[in-house]
Amino acid sequence: MDRSVDFYTRFLGLKLLGRHEIPQNNAEIAFLQDPEGKGARLELTLYRDQKKFMQAEYEDRVFDHLAFEVKDMGKTVSMMRKEGITITDEPYRLRPGGSLIAFIEDPDGTLIELIESK
């Protein structure tokens, strides 16, 4: 959980709202949100009895990715690269003048789209 909270707060700028133990499931949950408190909340759940998490191969995934807006794609990707974050797709535009996007993986292999709107 610490690794994921660090990732989402440090690289994506989310604010940790709280962490809570769920003794019935031997689990812990953490809630994060943008610093202004205007966006959706992200809930992370750690099940301590789960020994292994395997992300399905890309073509077999039912759930594809999360997306987050970033203010400065170059700075964000550069900082992530220095910290060893997996960059699966370097920044690119789908059309001229469109938003700049890139794809990365969080510490557990969840695919995340970064979007810099213009």
PDB file of N, CA and C in Angstrom:
ATOM      1  N   MET A   1       0.832  -1.195   0.000  1.00  0.00           N
ATOM      2  CA  MET A   1       0.000   0.000   0.000  1.00  0.00           C
ATOM      3  C   MET A   1       0.872   1.254   0.000  1.00  0.00           C
ATOM      4  N   ASP A   2       1.931   1.230   0.812  1.00  0.00           N
ATOM      5  CA  ASP A   2       2.809   2.405   0.880  1.00  0.00           C
ATOM      6  C   ASP A   2       3.355   2.770  -0.497  1.00  0.00           C
ATOM      7  N   ARG A   3       3.763   1.751  -1.248  1.00  0.00           N
ATOM      8  CA  ARG A   3       4.332   1.972  -2.586  1.00  0.00           C
ATOM      9  C   ARG A   3       3.308   2.624  -3.519  1.00  0.00           C
ATOM     10  N   SER A   4       2.066   2.168  -3.469  1.00  0.00           N
ATOM     11  CA  SER A   4       1.031   2.730  -4.336  1.00  0.00           C
ATOM     12  C   SER A   4       0.641   4.140  -3.917  1.00  0.00           C
ATOM     13  N   VAL A   5       0.490   4.367  -2.613  1.00  0.00           N
ATOM     14  CA  VAL A   5       0.163   5.716  -2.125  1.00  0.00           C
ATOM     15  C   VAL A   5       1.271   6.684  -2.531  1.00  0.00           C
ATOM     16  N   ASP A   6       2.522   6.274  -2.368  1.00  0.00           N
ATOM     17  CA  ASP A   6       3.645   7.119  -2.775  1.00  0.00           C
ATOM     18  C   ASP A   6       3.576   7.447  -4.264  1.00  0.00           C
ATOM     19  N   PHE A   7       3.308   6.451  -5.095  1.00  0.00           N
ATOM     20  CA  PHE A   7       3.225   6.650  -6.542  1.00  0.00           C
ATOM     21  C   PHE A   7       2.149   7.682  -6.901  1.00  0.00           C
ATOM     22  N   TYR A   8       0.939   7.484  -6.405  1.00  0.00           N
ATOM     23  CA  TYR A   8      -0.172   8.360  -6.794  1.00  0.00           C
ATOM     24  C   TYR A   8      -0.049   9.768  -6.212  1.00  0.00           C
ATOM     25  N   THR A   9       0.585   9.899  -5.045  1.00  0.00           N
ATOM     26  CA  THR A   9       0.750  11.243  -4.482  1.00  0.00           C
ATOM     27  C   THR A   9       1.935  11.961  -5.112  1.00  0.00           C
ATOM     28  N   ARG A  10       3.031  11.258  -5.276  1.00  0.00           N
ATOM     29  CA  ARG A  10       4.253  11.903  -5.770  1.00  0.00           C
ATOM     30  C   ARG A  10       4.210  12.182  -7.264  1.00  0.00           C
ATOM     31  N   PHE A  11       3.732  11.226  -8.040  1.00  0.00           N
ATOM     32  CA  PHE A  11       3.783  11.387  -9.496  1.00  0.00           C
ATOM     33  C   PHE A  11       2.527  11.989 -10.103  1.00  0.00           C
ATOM     34  N   LEU A  12       1.374  11.752  -9.518  1.00  0.00           N
ATOM     35  CA  LEU A  12       0.127  12.247 -10.095  1.00  0.00           C
ATOM     36  C   LEU A  12      -0.503  13.348  -9.266  1.00  0.00           C
ATOM     37  N   GLY A  13       0.148  13.730  -8.181  1.00  0.00           N
ATOM     38  CA  GLY A  13      -0.291  14.885  -7.412  1.00  0.00           C
ATOM     39  C   GLY A  13      -1.545  14.698  -6.576  1.00  0.00           C
ATOM     40  N   LEU A  14      -1.973  13.460  -6.375  1.00  0.00           N
ATOM     41  CA  LEU A  14      -3.156  13.243  -5.563  1.00  0.00           C
ATOM     42  C   LEU A  14      -2.821  13.438  -4.085  1.00  0.00           C
ATOM     43  N   LYS A  15      -3.840  13.744  -3.324  1.00  0.00           N
ATOM     44  CA  LYS A  15      -3.692  13.959  -1.885  1.00  0.00           C
ATOM     45  C   LYS A  15      -4.302  12.762  -1.159  1.00  0.00           C
ATOM     46  N   LEU A  16      -3.577  12.234  -0.188  1.00  0.00           N
ATOM     47  CA  LEU A  16      -4.089  11.126   0.613  1.00  0.00           C
ATOM     48  C   LEU A  16      -5.134  11.672   1.578  1.00  0.00           C
ATOM     49  N   LEU A  17      -6.364  11.170   1.471  1.00  0.00           N
ATOM     50  CA  LEU A  17      -7.443  11.610   2.343  1.00  0.00           C
ATOM     51  C   LEU A  17      -7.495  10.773   3.618  1.00  0.00           C
ATOM     52  N   GLY A  18      -7.108   9.518   3.515  1.00  0.00           N
ATOM     53  CA  GLY A  18      -7.130   8.657   4.685  1.00  0.00           C
ATOM     54  C   GLY A  18      -6.861   7.210   4.339  1.00  0.00           C
ATOM     55  N   ARG A  19      -6.461   6.471   5.369  1.00  0.00           N
ATOM     56  CA  ARG A  19      -6.224   5.032   5.252  1.00  0.00           C
ATOM     57  C   ARG A  19      -6.970   4.365   6.398  1.00  0.00           C
ATOM     58  N   HIS A  20      -7.576   3.206   6.102  1.00  0.00           N
ATOM     59  CA  HIS A  20      -8.379   2.525   7.104  1.00  0.00           C
ATOM     60  C   HIS A  20      -8.165   1.018   7.012  1.00  0.00           C
ATOM     61  N   GLU A  21      -8.116   0.378   8.158  1.00  0.00           N
ATOM     62  CA  GLU A  21      -8.040  -1.070   8.230  1.00  0.00           C
ATOM     63  C   GLU A  21      -9.445  -1.659   8.080  1.00  0.00           C
ATOM     64  N   ILE A  22      -9.532  -2.788   7.386  1.00  0.00           N
ATOM     65  CA  ILE A  22     -10.774  -3.540   7.249  1.00  0.00           C
ATOM     66  C   ILE A  22     -10.485  -4.932   7.822  1.00  0.00           C
ATOM     67  N   PRO A  23     -10.636  -5.100   9.129  1.00  0.00           N
ATOM     68  CA  PRO A  23     -10.251  -6.365   9.756  1.00  0.00           C
ATOM     69  C   PRO A  23     -11.022  -7.582   9.241  1.00  0.00           C
ATOM     70  N   GLN A  24     -12.270  -7.396   8.806  1.00  0.00           N
ATOM     71  CA  GLN A  24     -13.073  -8.515   8.314  1.00  0.00           C
ATOM     72  C   GLN A  24     -12.439  -9.189   7.100  1.00  0.00           C
ATOM     73  N   ASN A  25     -11.701  -8.434   6.310  1.00  0.00           N
ATOM     74  CA  ASN A  25     -11.066  -8.953   5.080  1.00  0.00           C
ATOM     75  C   ASN A  25      -9.554  -9.004   5.194  1.00  0.00           C
ATOM     76  N   ASN A  26      -9.018  -8.665   6.375  1.00  0.00           N
ATOM     77  CA  ASN A  26      -7.571  -8.527   6.528  1.00  0.00           C
ATOM     78  C   ASN A  26      -7.048  -7.618   5.415  1.00  0.00           C
ATOM     79  N   ALA A  27      -7.657  -6.448   5.306  1.00  0.00           N
ATOM     80  CA  ALA A  27      -7.348  -5.522   4.214  1.00  0.00           C
ATOM     81  C   ALA A  27      -7.142  -4.108   4.754  1.00  0.00           C
ATOM     82  N   GLU A  28      -6.611  -3.284   3.880  1.00  0.00           N
ATOM     83  CA  GLU A  28      -6.465  -1.853   4.155  1.00  0.00           C
ATOM     84  C   GLU A  28      -6.932  -1.101   2.926  1.00  0.00           C
ATOM     85  N   ILE A  29      -7.615   0.022   3.132  1.00  0.00           N
ATOM     86  CA  ILE A  29      -8.017   0.865   2.016  1.00  0.00           C
ATOM     87  C   ILE A  29      -7.425   2.255   2.208  1.00  0.00           C
ATOM     88  N   ALA A  30      -7.164   2.899   1.091  1.00  0.00           N
ATOM     89  CA  ALA A  30      -6.681   4.277   1.096  1.00  0.00           C
ATOM     90  C   ALA A  30      -7.508   5.051   0.084  1.00  0.00           C
ATOM     91  N   PHE A  31      -7.846   6.282   0.447  1.00  0.00           N
ATOM     92  CA  PHE A  31      -8.604   7.157  -0.440  1.00  0.00           C
ATOM     93  C   PHE A  31      -7.724   8.338  -0.820  1.00  0.00           C
ATOM     94  N   LEU A  32      -7.689   8.644  -2.115  1.00  0.00           N
ATOM     95  CA  LEU A  32      -6.907   9.762  -2.630  1.00  0.00           C
ATOM     96  C   LEU A  32      -7.789  10.609  -3.531  1.00  0.00           C
ATOM     97  N   GLN A  33      -7.420  11.889  -3.661  1.00  0.00           N
ATOM     98  CA  GLN A  33      -8.182  12.803  -4.517  1.00  0.00           C
ATOM     99  C   GLN A  33      -7.266  13.945  -4.940  1.00  0.00           C
ATOM    100  N   ASP A  34      -7.683  14.669  -5.966  1.00  0.00           N
ATOM    101  CA  ASP A  34      -6.902  15.824  -6.398  1.00  0.00           C
ATOM    102  C   ASP A  34      -6.830  16.831  -5.247  1.00  0.00           C
ATOM    103  N   PRO A  35      -5.764  17.640  -5.185  1.00  0.00           N
ATOM    104  CA  PRO A  35      -5.570  18.556  -4.056  1.00  0.00           C
ATOM    105  C   PRO A  35      -6.715  19.550  -3.839  1.00  0.00           C
ATOM    106  N   GLU A  36      -7.429  19.916  -4.904  1.00  0.00           N
ATOM    107  CA  GLU A  36      -8.538  20.853  -4.764  1.00  0.00           C
ATOM    108  C   GLU A  36      -9.812  20.170  -4.283  1.00  0.00           C
ATOM    109  N   GLY A  37      -9.825  18.849  -4.258  1.00  0.00           N
ATOM    110  CA  GLY A  37     -11.001  18.113  -3.813  1.00  0.00           C
ATOM    111  C   GLY A  37     -12.169  18.183  -4.769  1.00  0.00           C
ATOM    112  N   LYS A  38     -11.909  18.425  -6.048  1.00  0.00           N
ATOM    113  CA  LYS A  38     -12.981  18.591  -7.031  1.00  0.00           C
ATOM    114  C   LYS A  38     -13.225  17.349  -7.870  1.00  0.00           C
ATOM    115  N   GLY A  39     -12.217  16.511  -8.005  1.00  0.00           N
ATOM    116  CA  GLY A  39     -12.336  15.338  -8.866  1.00  0.00           C
ATOM    117  C   GLY A  39     -12.829  14.111  -8.121  1.00  0.00           C
ATOM    118  N   ALA A  40     -12.929  13.022  -8.853  1.00  0.00           N
ATOM    119  CA  ALA A  40     -13.345  11.754  -8.267  1.00  0.00           C
ATOM    120  C   ALA A  40     -12.290  11.260  -7.275  1.00  0.00           C
ATOM    121  N   ARG A  41     -12.728  10.468  -6.338  1.00  0.00           N
ATOM    122  CA  ARG A  41     -11.804   9.850  -5.383  1.00  0.00           C
ATOM    123  C   ARG A  41     -11.314   8.524  -5.940  1.00  0.00           C
ATOM    124  N   LEU A  42     -10.068   8.234  -5.666  1.00  0.00           N
ATOM    125  CA  LEU A  42      -9.475   6.961  -6.037  1.00  0.00           C
ATOM    126  C   LEU A  42      -9.359   6.127  -4.769  1.00  0.00           C
ATOM    127  N   GLU A  43      -9.890   4.911  -4.803  1.00  0.00           N
ATOM    128  CA  GLU A  43      -9.774   4.007  -3.662  1.00  0.00           C
ATOM    129  C   GLU A  43      -8.811   2.894  -4.020  1.00  0.00           C
ATOM    130  N   LEU A  44      -7.813   2.699  -3.184  1.00  0.00           N
ATOM    131  CA  LEU A  44      -6.869   1.595  -3.330  1.00  0.00           C
ATOM    132  C   LEU A  44      -7.166   0.588  -2.231  1.00  0.00           C
ATOM    133  N   THR A  45      -7.142  -0.692  -2.566  1.00  0.00           N
ATOM    134  CA  THR A  45      -7.402  -1.740  -1.578  1.00  0.00           C
ATOM    135  C   THR A  45      -6.258  -2.739  -1.595  1.00  0.00           C
ATOM    136  N   LEU A  46      -5.733  -3.025  -0.411  1.00  0.00           N
ATOM    137  CA  LEU A  46      -4.691  -4.033  -0.245  1.00  0.00           C
ATOM    138  C   LEU A  46      -5.283  -5.190   0.544  1.00  0.00           C
ATOM    139  N   TYR A  47      -5.350  -6.369  -0.079  1.00  0.00           N
ATOM    140  CA  TYR A  47      -5.789  -7.578   0.598  1.00  0.00           C
ATOM    141  C   TYR A  47      -4.543  -8.327   1.045  1.00  0.00           C
ATOM    142  N   ARG A  48      -4.304  -8.376   2.340  1.00  0.00           N
ATOM    143  CA  ARG A  48      -3.065  -8.961   2.854  1.00  0.00           C
ATOM    144  C   ARG A  48      -2.973 -10.475   2.632  1.00  0.00           C
ATOM    145  N   ASP A  49      -4.106 -11.153   2.497  1.00  0.00           N
ATOM    146  CA  ASP A  49      -4.078 -12.601   2.274  1.00  0.00           C
ATOM    147  C   ASP A  49      -3.834 -12.961   0.815  1.00  0.00           C
ATOM    148  N   GLN A  50      -3.949 -11.986  -0.073  1.00  0.00           N
ATOM    149  CA  GLN A  50      -3.687 -12.235  -1.489  1.00  0.00           C
ATOM    150  C   GLN A  50      -2.173 -12.240  -1.677  1.00  0.00           C
ATOM    151  N   LYS A  51      -1.633 -13.354  -2.106  1.00  0.00           N
ATOM    152  CA  LYS A  51      -0.178 -13.500  -2.192  1.00  0.00           C
ATOM    153  C   LYS A  51       0.406 -13.029  -3.520  1.00  0.00           C
ATOM    154  N   LYS A  52      -0.409 -13.063  -4.559  1.00  0.00           N
ATOM    155  CA  LYS A  52       0.117 -12.728  -5.878  1.00  0.00           C
ATOM    156  C   LYS A  52      -0.943 -11.987  -6.683  1.00  0.00           C
ATOM    157  N   PHE A  53      -0.528 -10.923  -7.341  1.00  0.00           N
ATOM    158  CA  PHE A  53      -1.414 -10.190  -8.236  1.00  0.00           C
ATOM    159  C   PHE A  53      -0.843 -10.293  -9.633  1.00  0.00           C
ATOM    160  N   MET A  54      -1.640 -10.779 -10.562  1.00  0.00           N
ATOM    161  CA  MET A  54      -1.180 -10.891 -11.943  1.00  0.00           C
ATOM    162  C   MET A  54      -2.120 -10.120 -12.849  1.00  0.00           C
ATOM    163  N   GLN A  55      -1.548  -9.166 -13.561  1.00  0.00           N
ATOM    164  CA  GLN A  55      -2.311  -8.418 -14.550  1.00  0.00           C
ATOM    165  C   GLN A  55      -2.418  -9.279 -15.801  1.00  0.00           C
ATOM    166  N   ALA A  56      -3.597  -9.393 -16.357  1.00  0.00           N
ATOM    167  CA  ALA A  56      -3.777 -10.170 -17.588  1.00  0.00           C
ATOM    168  C   ALA A  56      -2.988  -9.531 -18.728  1.00  0.00           C
ATOM    169  N   GLU A  57      -2.635 -10.338 -19.719  1.00  0.00           N
ATOM    170  CA  GLU A  57      -1.994  -9.789 -20.910  1.00  0.00           C
ATOM    171  C   GLU A  57      -2.911  -8.730 -21.502  1.00  0.00           C
ATOM    172  N   TYR A  58      -2.323  -7.748 -22.164  1.00  0.00           N
ATOM    173  CA  TYR A  58      -3.086  -6.597 -22.653  1.00  0.00           C
ATOM    174  C   TYR A  58      -4.330  -7.020 -23.435  1.00  0.00           C
ATOM    175  N   GLU A  59      -4.196  -7.967 -24.344  1.00  0.00           N
ATOM    176  CA  GLU A  59      -5.312  -8.370 -25.197  1.00  0.00           C
ATOM    177  C   GLU A  59      -6.419  -9.071 -24.410  1.00  0.00           C
ATOM    178  N   ASP A  60      -6.096  -9.598 -23.218  1.00  0.00           N
ATOM    179  CA  ASP A  60      -7.067 -10.332 -22.421  1.00  0.00           C
ATOM    180  C   ASP A  60      -7.705  -9.486 -21.321  1.00  0.00           C
ATOM    181  N   ARG A  61      -7.335  -8.235 -21.214  1.00  0.00           N
ATOM    182  CA  ARG A  61      -7.863  -7.392 -20.146  1.00  0.00           C
ATOM    183  C   ARG A  61      -9.291  -6.954 -20.448  1.00  0.00           C
ATOM    184  N   VAL A  62     -10.139  -7.070 -19.443  1.00  0.00           N
ATOM    185  CA  VAL A  62     -11.494  -6.544 -19.549  1.00  0.00           C
ATOM    186  C   VAL A  62     -11.462  -5.057 -19.186  1.00  0.00           C
ATOM    187  N   PHE A  63     -10.713  -4.744 -18.146  1.00  0.00           N
ATOM    188  CA  PHE A  63     -10.499  -3.361 -17.714  1.00  0.00           C
ATOM    189  C   PHE A  63      -9.211  -2.892 -18.363  1.00  0.00           C
ATOM    190  N   ASP A  64      -9.253  -1.791 -19.073  1.00  0.00           N
ATOM    191  CA  ASP A  64      -8.095  -1.370 -19.849  1.00  0.00           C
ATOM    192  C   ASP A  64      -7.167  -0.440 -19.075  1.00  0.00           C
ATOM    193  N   HIS A  65      -7.649   0.731 -18.679  1.00  0.00           N
ATOM    194  CA  HIS A  65      -6.739   1.672 -18.023  1.00  0.00           C
ATOM    195  C   HIS A  65      -7.491   2.766 -17.272  1.00  0.00           C
ATOM    196  N   LEU A  66      -6.742   3.475 -16.434  1.00  0.00           N
ATOM    197  CA  LEU A  66      -7.190   4.704 -15.780  1.00  0.00           C
ATOM    198  C   LEU A  66      -6.568   5.860 -16.538  1.00  0.00           C
ATOM    199  N   ALA A  67      -7.127   7.054 -16.421  1.00  0.00           N
ATOM    200  CA  ALA A  67      -6.545   8.227 -17.067  1.00  0.00           C
ATOM    201  C   ALA A  67      -6.479   9.378 -16.072  1.00  0.00           C
ATOM    202  N   PHE A  68      -5.371  10.124 -16.126  1.00  0.00           N
ATOM    203  CA  PHE A  68      -5.168  11.281 -15.270  1.00  0.00           C
ATOM    204  C   PHE A  68      -4.655  12.439 -16.113  1.00  0.00           C
ATOM    205  N   GLU A  69      -5.153  13.633 -15.821  1.00  0.00           N
ATOM    206  CA  GLU A  69      -4.643  14.828 -16.487  1.00  0.00           C
ATOM    207  C   GLU A  69      -3.384  15.299 -15.775  1.00  0.00           C
ATOM    208  N   VAL A  70      -2.377  15.676 -16.557  1.00  0.00           N
ATOM    209  CA  VAL A  70      -1.145  16.242 -16.009  1.00  0.00           C
ATOM    210  C   VAL A  70      -0.942  17.621 -16.618  1.00  0.00           C
ATOM    211  N   LYS A  71      -0.282  18.502 -15.883  1.00  0.00           N
ATOM    212  CA  LYS A  71      -0.072  19.864 -16.367  1.00  0.00           C
ATOM    213  C   LYS A  71       1.108  19.966 -17.323  1.00  0.00           C
ATOM    214  N   ASP A  72       2.156  19.180 -17.076  1.00  0.00           N
ATOM    215  CA  ASP A  72       3.373  19.250 -17.887  1.00  0.00           C
ATOM    216  C   ASP A  72       3.841  17.830 -18.187  1.00  0.00           C
ATOM    217  N   MET A  73       3.509  17.348 -19.377  1.00  0.00           N
ATOM    218  CA  MET A  73       3.820  15.975 -19.764  1.00  0.00           C
ATOM    219  C   MET A  73       5.319  15.711 -19.722  1.00  0.00           C
ATOM    220  N   GLY A  74       6.104  16.621 -20.277  1.00  0.00           N
ATOM    221  CA  GLY A  74       7.544  16.417 -20.322  1.00  0.00           C
ATOM    222  C   GLY A  74       8.141  16.260 -18.940  1.00  0.00           C
ATOM    223  N   LYS A  75       7.758  17.142 -18.049  1.00  0.00           N
ATOM    224  CA  LYS A  75       8.270  17.094 -16.667  1.00  0.00           C
ATOM    225  C   LYS A  75       7.810  15.821 -15.959  1.00  0.00           C
ATOM    226  N   THR A  76       6.538  15.469 -16.116  1.00  0.00           N
ATOM    227  CA  THR A  76       5.982  14.291 -15.459  1.00  0.00           C
ATOM    228  C   THR A  76       6.660  13.019 -15.942  1.00  0.00           C
ATOM    229  N   VAL A  77       6.767  12.843 -17.247  1.00  0.00           N
ATOM    230  CA  VAL A  77       7.374  11.635 -17.804  1.00  0.00           C
ATOM    231  C   VAL A  77       8.860  11.565 -17.458  1.00  0.00           C
ATOM    232  N   SER A  78       9.537  12.695 -17.499  1.00  0.00           N
ATOM    233  CA  SER A  78      10.951  12.729 -17.147  1.00  0.00           C
ATOM    234  C   SER A  78      11.173  12.293 -15.698  1.00  0.00           C
ATOM    235  N   MET A  79      10.372  12.819 -14.789  1.00  0.00           N
ATOM    236  CA  MET A  79      10.482  12.458 -13.376  1.00  0.00           C
ATOM    237  C   MET A  79      10.189  10.968 -13.180  1.00  0.00           C
ATOM    238  N   MET A  80       9.175  10.460 -13.872  1.00  0.00           N
ATOM    239  CA  MET A  80       8.833   9.038 -13.757  1.00  0.00           C
ATOM    240  C   MET A  80       9.953   8.158 -14.297  1.00  0.00           C
ATOM    241  N   ARG A  81      10.508   8.560 -15.423  1.00  0.00           N
ATOM    242  CA  ARG A  81      11.590   7.783 -16.025  1.00  0.00           C
ATOM    243  C   ARG A  81      12.786   7.699 -15.073  1.00  0.00           C
ATOM    244  N   LYS A  82      13.137   8.813 -14.437  1.00  0.00           N
ATOM    245  CA  LYS A  82      14.258   8.831 -13.492  1.00  0.00           C
ATOM    246  C   LYS A  82      14.030   7.898 -12.315  1.00  0.00           C
ATOM    247  N   GLU A  83      12.748   7.696 -11.952  1.00  0.00           N
ATOM    248  CA  GLU A  83      12.404   6.834 -10.819  1.00  0.00           C
ATOM    249  C   GLU A  83      12.132   5.384 -11.235  1.00  0.00           C
ATOM    250  N   GLY A  84      12.342   5.086 -12.520  1.00  0.00           N
ATOM    251  CA  GLY A  84      12.187   3.711 -12.992  1.00  0.00           C
ATOM    252  C   GLY A  84      10.765   3.278 -13.276  1.00  0.00           C
ATOM    253  N   ILE A  85       9.854   4.232 -13.418  1.00  0.00           N
ATOM    254  CA  ILE A  85       8.465   3.904 -13.762  1.00  0.00           C
ATOM    255  C   ILE A  85       8.429   3.431 -15.214  1.00  0.00           C
ATOM    256  N   THR A  86       7.653   2.392 -15.474  1.00  0.00           N
ATOM    257  CA  THR A  86       7.541   1.857 -16.834  1.00  0.00           C
ATOM    258  C   THR A  86       6.715   2.805 -17.701  1.00  0.00           C
ATOM    259  N   ILE A  87       7.327   3.296 -18.772  1.00  0.00           N
ATOM    260  CA  ILE A  87       6.647   4.131 -19.771  1.00  0.00           C
ATOM    261  C   ILE A  87       6.324   3.185 -20.933  1.00  0.00           C
ATOM    262  N   THR A  88       5.060   2.841 -21.103  1.00  0.00           N
ATOM    263  CA  THR A  88       4.713   1.882 -22.154  1.00  0.00           C
ATOM    264  C   THR A  88       4.548   2.548 -23.517  1.00  0.00           C
ATOM    265  N   ASP A  89       4.094   3.809 -23.527  1.00  0.00           N
ATOM    266  CA  ASP A  89       3.951   4.578 -24.773  1.00  0.00           C
ATOM    267  C   ASP A  89       4.453   5.990 -24.510  1.00  0.00           C
ATOM    268  N   GLU A  90       5.473   6.382 -25.229  1.00  0.00           N
ATOM    269  CA  GLU A  90       6.013   7.733 -25.101  1.00  0.00           C
ATOM    270  C   GLU A  90       4.948   8.764 -25.508  1.00  0.00           C
ATOM    271  N   PRO A  91       5.063  10.008 -25.049  1.00  0.00           N
ATOM    272  CA  PRO A  91       4.062  11.029 -25.377  1.00  0.00           C
ATOM    273  C   PRO A  91       3.856  11.196 -26.888  1.00  0.00           C
ATOM    274  N   TYR A  92       2.589  11.293 -27.266  1.00  0.00           N
ATOM    275  CA  TYR A  92       2.226  11.496 -28.673  1.00  0.00           C
ATOM    276  C   TYR A  92       0.856  12.154 -28.759  1.00  0.00           C
ATOM    277  N   ARG A  93       0.519  12.627 -29.941  1.00  0.00           N
ATOM    278  CA  ARG A  93      -0.794  13.229 -30.207  1.00  0.00           C
ATOM    279  C   ARG A  93      -1.547  12.355 -31.204  1.00  0.00           C
ATOM    280  N   LEU A  94      -2.840  12.148 -30.946  1.00  0.00           N
ATOM    281  CA  LEU A  94      -3.648  11.370 -31.877  1.00  0.00           C
ATOM    282  C   LEU A  94      -3.924  12.153 -33.151  1.00  0.00           C
ATOM    283  N   ARG A  95      -3.962  13.488 -33.023  1.00  0.00           N
ATOM    284  CA  ARG A  95      -4.164  14.351 -34.190  1.00  0.00           C
ATOM    285  C   ARG A  95      -3.425  15.663 -33.943  1.00  0.00           C
ATOM    286  N   PRO A  96      -3.055  16.363 -35.007  1.00  0.00           N
ATOM    287  CA  PRO A  96      -2.351  17.635 -34.833  1.00  0.00           C
ATOM    288  C   PRO A  96      -3.169  18.600 -33.974  1.00  0.00           C
ATOM    289  N   GLY A  97      -2.516  19.204 -32.999  1.00  0.00           N
ATOM    290  CA  GLY A  97      -3.178  20.161 -32.128  1.00  0.00           C
ATOM    291  C   GLY A  97      -3.998  19.531 -31.014  1.00  0.00           C
ATOM    292  N   GLY A  98      -4.074  18.207 -30.993  1.00  0.00           N
ATOM    293  CA  GLY A  98      -4.845  17.525 -29.961  1.00  0.00           C
ATOM    294  C   GLY A  98      -4.065  17.392 -28.668  1.00  0.00           C
ATOM    295  N   SER A  99      -4.679  16.811 -27.698  1.00  0.00           N
ATOM    296  CA  SER A  99      -4.034  16.591 -26.408  1.00  0.00           C
ATOM    297  C   SER A  99      -2.826  15.676 -26.559  1.00  0.00           C
ATOM    298  N   LEU A 100      -1.845  15.898 -25.716  1.00  0.00           N
ATOM    299  CA  LEU A 100      -0.658  15.058 -25.665  1.00  0.00           C
ATOM    300  C   LEU A 100      -0.958  13.927 -24.690  1.00  0.00           C
ATOM    301  N   ILE A 101      -0.730  12.682 -25.107  1.00  0.00           N
ATOM    302  CA  ILE A 101      -0.998  11.548 -24.228  1.00  0.00           C
ATOM    303  C   ILE A 101       0.215  10.632 -24.152  1.00  0.00           C
ATOM    304  N   ALA A 102       0.294   9.889 -23.073  1.00  0.00           N
ATOM    305  CA  ALA A 102       1.324   8.871 -22.877  1.00  0.00           C
ATOM    306  C   ALA A 102       0.714   7.792 -21.992  1.00  0.00           C
ATOM    307  N   PHE A 103       1.315   6.618 -21.997  1.00  0.00           N
ATOM    308  CA  PHE A 103       0.855   5.540 -21.141  1.00  0.00           C
ATOM    309  C   PHE A 103       2.003   5.051 -20.279  1.00  0.00           C
ATOM    310  N   ILE A 104       1.679   4.789 -19.019  1.00  0.00           N
ATOM    311  CA  ILE A 104       2.653   4.302 -18.047  1.00  0.00           C
ATOM    312  C   ILE A 104       1.996   3.158 -17.274  1.00  0.00           C
ATOM    313  N   GLU A 105       2.774   2.525 -16.391  1.00  0.00           N
ATOM    314  CA  GLU A 105       2.222   1.515 -15.498  1.00  0.00           C
ATOM    315  C   GLU A 105       2.466   1.938 -14.059  1.00  0.00           C
ATOM    316  N   ASP A 106       1.465   1.709 -13.214  1.00  0.00           N
ATOM    317  CA  ASP A 106       1.661   1.977 -11.785  1.00  0.00           C
ATOM    318  C   ASP A 106       2.480   0.830 -11.185  1.00  0.00           C
ATOM    319  N   PRO A 107       2.806   0.871  -9.900  1.00  0.00           N
ATOM    320  CA  PRO A 107       3.654  -0.173  -9.317  1.00  0.00           C
ATOM    321  C   PRO A 107       3.101  -1.593  -9.419  1.00  0.00           C
ATOM    322  N   ASP A 108       1.786  -1.724  -9.620  1.00  0.00           N
ATOM    323  CA  ASP A 108       1.186  -3.048  -9.738  1.00  0.00           C
ATOM    324  C   ASP A 108       0.875  -3.440 -11.174  1.00  0.00           C
ATOM    325  N   GLY A 109       1.315  -2.633 -12.131  1.00  0.00           N
ATOM    326  CA  GLY A 109       1.126  -2.961 -13.534  1.00  0.00           C
ATOM    327  C   GLY A 109      -0.156  -2.437 -14.143  1.00  0.00           C
ATOM    328  N   THR A 110      -0.923  -1.636 -13.408  1.00  0.00           N
ATOM    329  CA  THR A 110      -2.142  -1.052 -13.968  1.00  0.00           C
ATOM    330  C   THR A 110      -1.750  -0.003 -15.003  1.00  0.00           C
ATOM    331  N   LEU A 111      -2.336  -0.104 -16.175  1.00  0.00           N
ATOM    332  CA  LEU A 111      -2.045   0.835 -17.253  1.00  0.00           C
ATOM    333  C   LEU A 111      -2.718   2.176 -16.959  1.00  0.00           C
ATOM    334  N   ILE A 112      -1.936   3.257 -17.069  1.00  0.00           N
ATOM    335  CA  ILE A 112      -2.439   4.600 -16.805  1.00  0.00           C
ATOM    336  C   ILE A 112      -2.128   5.497 -17.992  1.00  0.00           C
ATOM    337  N   GLU A 113      -3.155   6.197 -18.447  1.00  0.00           N
ATOM    338  CA  GLU A 113      -2.990   7.175 -19.509  1.00  0.00           C
ATOM    339  C   GLU A 113      -2.780   8.548 -18.859  1.00  0.00           C
ATOM    340  N   LEU A 114      -1.750   9.243 -19.307  1.00  0.00           N
ATOM    341  CA  LEU A 114      -1.497  10.626 -18.891  1.00  0.00           C
ATOM    342  C   LEU A 114      -1.981  11.514 -20.020  1.00  0.00           C
ATOM    343  N   ILE A 115      -2.694  12.587 -19.683  1.00  0.00           N
ATOM    344  CA  ILE A 115      -3.242  13.493 -20.698  1.00  0.00           C
ATOM    345  C   ILE A 115      -2.848  14.922 -20.345  1.00  0.00           C
ATOM    346  N   GLU A 116      -2.208  15.578 -21.301  1.00  0.00           N
ATOM    347  CA  GLU A 116      -1.930  17.018 -21.175  1.00  0.00           C
ATOM    348  C   GLU A 116      -2.797  17.727 -22.179  1.00  0.00           C
ATOM    349  N   SER A 117      -3.833  18.411 -21.697  1.00  0.00           N
ATOM    350  CA  SER A 117      -4.747  19.116 -22.586  1.00  0.00           C
ATOM    351  C   SER A 117      -4.102  20.417 -23.061  1.00  0.00           C
ATOM    352  N   LYS A 118      -4.431  20.801 -24.252  1.00  0.00           N
ATOM    353  CA  LYS A 118      -3.915  22.059 -24.814  1.00  0.00           C
ATOM    354  C   LYS A 118      -5.026  23.052 -24.937  1.00  0.00           C
TER     355      LYS A 118
END
